[in-house]
Amino acid sequence: MIERTVTIGASFETRSAALLVQTASKFRSQIHIKVDERIANAKSIMGIISLGITDGQTVKLVADGDDERQAIPALEQFFFMTR
């Protein structure tokens, strides 16, 4: 299992959530996003939206599986590009 903390860029909205789900769905690993005490499956649009992620917020990415080492950098890159 790999965990990384990232800060959400200034433009995270519904479209960003959909693109995040598309990115996470490319991997076989289980991928979750933690916001404070709440956690959601990164492959679920409803789960991501339910977190209520706001611009500038810090979240934790968690990947567990055989391609976790590829998944986390791809998601970090996704968040870097949304800045």
N, C-alpha and C. Protein backbone atom coordinates (compact mmCIF):
# COMPACT_ATOMS: atom_id res chain seq x y z
N MET A 1 0.84 -1.18 0.00
CA MET A 1 0.00 0.00 0.00
C MET A 1 0.89 1.24 0.00
N ILE A 2 0.50 2.21 -0.82
CA ILE A 2 1.22 3.48 -0.92
C ILE A 2 0.26 4.61 -0.60
N GLU A 3 0.71 5.56 0.19
CA GLU A 3 -0.08 6.75 0.51
C GLU A 3 0.72 7.99 0.17
N ARG A 4 0.05 8.99 -0.39
CA ARG A 4 0.66 10.27 -0.68
C ARG A 4 -0.33 11.37 -0.37
N THR A 5 0.17 12.49 0.10
CA THR A 5 -0.67 13.65 0.37
C THR A 5 -0.46 14.66 -0.74
N VAL A 6 -1.57 15.19 -1.27
CA VAL A 6 -1.51 16.19 -2.33
C VAL A 6 -2.46 17.33 -1.99
N THR A 7 -2.16 18.50 -2.55
CA THR A 7 -3.03 19.66 -2.39
C THR A 7 -3.78 19.86 -3.69
N ILE A 8 -5.08 20.02 -3.56
CA ILE A 8 -5.96 20.18 -4.72
C ILE A 8 -5.74 21.56 -5.32
N GLY A 9 -5.67 21.60 -6.65
CA GLY A 9 -5.48 22.85 -7.36
C GLY A 9 -6.70 23.75 -7.27
N ALA A 10 -6.60 24.88 -7.89
CA ALA A 10 -7.63 25.91 -7.78
C ALA A 10 -8.83 25.67 -8.68
N SER A 11 -8.90 24.54 -9.37
CA SER A 11 -10.02 24.35 -10.29
C SER A 11 -10.68 22.98 -10.15
N PHE A 12 -10.76 22.43 -8.95
CA PHE A 12 -11.37 21.11 -8.76
C PHE A 12 -12.88 21.26 -8.68
N GLU A 13 -13.56 20.73 -9.69
CA GLU A 13 -15.02 20.78 -9.73
C GLU A 13 -15.51 19.47 -10.31
N THR A 14 -16.77 19.39 -10.69
CA THR A 14 -17.35 18.12 -11.14
C THR A 14 -16.60 17.51 -12.32
N ARG A 15 -16.23 18.33 -13.28
CA ARG A 15 -15.48 17.81 -14.44
C ARG A 15 -14.14 17.23 -13.99
N SER A 16 -13.49 17.91 -13.06
CA SER A 16 -12.22 17.39 -12.53
C SER A 16 -12.43 16.05 -11.85
N ALA A 17 -13.53 15.92 -11.11
CA ALA A 17 -13.83 14.66 -10.43
C ALA A 17 -14.01 13.54 -11.46
N ALA A 18 -14.70 13.83 -12.55
CA ALA A 18 -14.91 12.83 -13.60
C ALA A 18 -13.58 12.41 -14.23
N LEU A 19 -12.71 13.36 -14.48
CA LEU A 19 -11.40 13.05 -15.05
C LEU A 19 -10.54 12.25 -14.06
N LEU A 20 -10.68 12.55 -12.78
CA LEU A 20 -9.97 11.79 -11.76
C LEU A 20 -10.42 10.33 -11.78
N VAL A 21 -11.72 10.11 -11.86
CA VAL A 21 -12.26 8.75 -11.91
C VAL A 21 -11.73 8.02 -13.15
N GLN A 22 -11.69 8.70 -14.28
CA GLN A 22 -11.15 8.08 -15.50
C GLN A 22 -9.69 7.68 -15.31
N THR A 23 -8.92 8.55 -14.69
CA THR A 23 -7.50 8.26 -14.46
C THR A 23 -7.35 7.07 -13.51
N ALA A 24 -8.07 7.07 -12.41
CA ALA A 24 -7.97 5.99 -11.42
C ALA A 24 -8.44 4.66 -12.00
N SER A 25 -9.43 4.71 -12.87
CA SER A 25 -10.00 3.47 -13.44
C SER A 25 -9.06 2.76 -14.39
N LYS A 26 -7.99 3.38 -14.77
CA LYS A 26 -7.00 2.75 -15.65
C LYS A 26 -6.16 1.71 -14.92
N PHE A 27 -6.25 1.70 -13.60
CA PHE A 27 -5.40 0.83 -12.79
C PHE A 27 -6.21 -0.26 -12.12
N ARG A 28 -5.58 -1.41 -11.90
CA ARG A 28 -6.23 -2.54 -11.24
C ARG A 28 -6.26 -2.37 -9.71
N SER A 29 -5.33 -1.61 -9.18
CA SER A 29 -5.24 -1.42 -7.73
C SER A 29 -6.51 -0.77 -7.18
N GLN A 30 -6.75 -1.03 -5.90
CA GLN A 30 -7.80 -0.29 -5.20
C GLN A 30 -7.23 1.08 -4.89
N ILE A 31 -7.97 2.12 -5.23
CA ILE A 31 -7.49 3.48 -5.03
C ILE A 31 -8.55 4.25 -4.27
N HIS A 32 -8.13 4.90 -3.21
CA HIS A 32 -9.05 5.67 -2.38
C HIS A 32 -8.51 7.08 -2.15
N ILE A 33 -9.42 7.98 -1.87
CA ILE A 33 -9.05 9.34 -1.49
C ILE A 33 -9.61 9.58 -0.09
N LYS A 34 -8.74 10.07 0.79
CA LYS A 34 -9.15 10.39 2.16
C LYS A 34 -9.16 11.90 2.35
N VAL A 35 -10.25 12.38 2.92
CA VAL A 35 -10.39 13.79 3.28
C VAL A 35 -10.79 13.80 4.74
N ASP A 36 -9.89 14.24 5.59
CA ASP A 36 -10.11 14.19 7.03
C ASP A 36 -10.44 12.75 7.42
N GLU A 37 -11.62 12.50 7.97
CA GLU A 37 -12.00 11.14 8.40
C GLU A 37 -12.81 10.40 7.34
N ARG A 38 -13.11 11.06 6.23
CA ARG A 38 -13.93 10.46 5.18
C ARG A 38 -13.05 9.84 4.10
N ILE A 39 -13.55 8.77 3.51
CA ILE A 39 -12.80 8.06 2.47
C ILE A 39 -13.75 7.67 1.35
N ALA A 40 -13.25 7.72 0.11
CA ALA A 40 -14.07 7.34 -1.04
C ALA A 40 -13.23 6.59 -2.05
N ASN A 41 -13.89 5.72 -2.77
CA ASN A 41 -13.27 4.99 -3.87
C ASN A 41 -12.99 5.99 -4.98
N ALA A 42 -11.76 6.09 -5.42
CA ALA A 42 -11.37 7.05 -6.45
C ALA A 42 -11.91 6.66 -7.83
N LYS A 43 -12.51 5.48 -7.95
CA LYS A 43 -13.09 5.04 -9.21
C LYS A 43 -14.60 5.28 -9.24
N SER A 44 -15.11 5.97 -8.24
CA SER A 44 -16.54 6.23 -8.13
C SER A 44 -16.81 7.73 -8.17
N ILE A 45 -17.49 8.19 -9.21
CA ILE A 45 -17.78 9.62 -9.33
C ILE A 45 -18.62 10.09 -8.15
N MET A 46 -19.60 9.32 -7.74
CA MET A 46 -20.45 9.72 -6.61
C MET A 46 -19.63 9.76 -5.32
N GLY A 47 -18.71 8.82 -5.18
CA GLY A 47 -17.86 8.82 -3.99
C GLY A 47 -16.99 10.06 -3.92
N ILE A 48 -16.39 10.42 -5.04
CA ILE A 48 -15.52 11.61 -5.07
C ILE A 48 -16.34 12.87 -4.80
N ILE A 49 -17.48 13.00 -5.46
CA ILE A 49 -18.32 14.18 -5.26
C ILE A 49 -18.80 14.27 -3.81
N SER A 50 -19.11 13.12 -3.20
CA SER A 50 -19.60 13.12 -1.82
C SER A 50 -18.57 13.63 -0.82
N LEU A 51 -17.29 13.61 -1.19
CA LEU A 51 -16.24 14.12 -0.29
C LEU A 51 -16.29 15.64 -0.17
N GLY A 52 -16.89 16.30 -1.17
CA GLY A 52 -16.97 17.76 -1.12
C GLY A 52 -15.61 18.43 -1.15
N ILE A 53 -14.72 17.92 -1.97
CA ILE A 53 -13.37 18.45 -2.07
C ILE A 53 -13.42 19.90 -2.54
N THR A 54 -12.67 20.75 -1.87
CA THR A 54 -12.64 22.16 -2.23
C THR A 54 -11.25 22.56 -2.73
N ASP A 55 -11.21 23.65 -3.46
CA ASP A 55 -9.95 24.16 -3.99
C ASP A 55 -8.97 24.44 -2.85
N GLY A 56 -7.74 24.00 -3.03
CA GLY A 56 -6.71 24.24 -2.04
C GLY A 56 -6.68 23.26 -0.89
N GLN A 57 -7.59 22.32 -0.87
CA GLN A 57 -7.67 21.35 0.22
C GLN A 57 -6.59 20.28 0.07
N THR A 58 -6.12 19.75 1.18
CA THR A 58 -5.15 18.66 1.18
C THR A 58 -5.89 17.35 1.35
N VAL A 59 -5.57 16.38 0.47
CA VAL A 59 -6.18 15.06 0.52
C VAL A 59 -5.08 14.01 0.51
N LYS A 60 -5.45 12.80 0.89
CA LYS A 60 -4.49 11.69 0.88
C LYS A 60 -4.93 10.68 -0.18
N LEU A 61 -4.01 10.31 -1.05
CA LEU A 61 -4.23 9.26 -2.05
C LEU A 61 -3.70 7.96 -1.48
N VAL A 62 -4.48 6.89 -1.61
CA VAL A 62 -4.08 5.58 -1.12
C VAL A 62 -4.30 4.57 -2.24
N ALA A 63 -3.26 3.84 -2.60
CA ALA A 63 -3.37 2.79 -3.61
C ALA A 63 -2.83 1.49 -3.04
N ASP A 64 -3.55 0.41 -3.33
CA ASP A 64 -3.15 -0.90 -2.84
C ASP A 64 -3.42 -1.92 -3.94
N GLY A 65 -2.35 -2.51 -4.46
CA GLY A 65 -2.50 -3.51 -5.50
C GLY A 65 -1.24 -3.67 -6.30
N ASP A 66 -1.32 -4.50 -7.32
CA ASP A 66 -0.11 -4.84 -8.08
C ASP A 66 0.42 -3.71 -8.95
N ASP A 67 -0.39 -2.70 -9.26
CA ASP A 67 0.13 -1.56 -10.03
C ASP A 67 0.08 -0.25 -9.24
N GLU A 68 0.14 -0.36 -7.92
CA GLU A 68 0.07 0.82 -7.05
C GLU A 68 1.22 1.79 -7.30
N ARG A 69 2.38 1.28 -7.66
CA ARG A 69 3.55 2.14 -7.91
C ARG A 69 3.39 2.99 -9.18
N GLN A 70 2.53 2.58 -10.07
CA GLN A 70 2.23 3.37 -11.25
C GLN A 70 1.02 4.28 -11.01
N ALA A 71 0.09 3.82 -10.20
CA ALA A 71 -1.16 4.56 -9.97
C ALA A 71 -0.92 5.88 -9.23
N ILE A 72 -0.16 5.84 -8.17
CA ILE A 72 0.03 7.05 -7.36
C ILE A 72 0.69 8.17 -8.16
N PRO A 73 1.79 7.92 -8.87
CA PRO A 73 2.37 9.01 -9.67
C PRO A 73 1.41 9.55 -10.74
N ALA A 74 0.60 8.68 -11.33
CA ALA A 74 -0.36 9.14 -12.34
C ALA A 74 -1.40 10.06 -11.71
N LEU A 75 -1.85 9.73 -10.52
CA LEU A 75 -2.83 10.58 -9.83
C LEU A 75 -2.18 11.88 -9.34
N GLU A 76 -0.95 11.79 -8.87
CA GLU A 76 -0.24 13.02 -8.49
C GLU A 76 -0.09 13.94 -9.69
N GLN A 77 0.24 13.37 -10.84
CA GLN A 77 0.36 14.15 -12.07
C GLN A 77 -0.98 14.78 -12.43
N PHE A 78 -2.06 14.04 -12.26
CA PHE A 78 -3.39 14.57 -12.53
C PHE A 78 -3.63 15.82 -11.68
N PHE A 79 -3.35 15.74 -10.38
CA PHE A 79 -3.58 16.89 -9.50
C PHE A 79 -2.64 18.03 -9.81
N PHE A 80 -1.42 17.71 -10.24
CA PHE A 80 -0.48 18.76 -10.63
C PHE A 80 -1.02 19.53 -11.84
N MET A 81 -1.63 18.81 -12.77
CA MET A 81 -2.13 19.45 -13.99
C MET A 81 -3.39 20.27 -13.75
N THR A 82 -4.11 20.02 -12.64
CA THR A 82 -5.33 20.78 -12.37
C THR A 82 -5.04 22.07 -11.62
N ARG A 83 -3.78 22.34 -11.37
CA ARG A 83 -3.42 23.59 -10.66
C ARG A 83 -3.48 24.77 -11.57
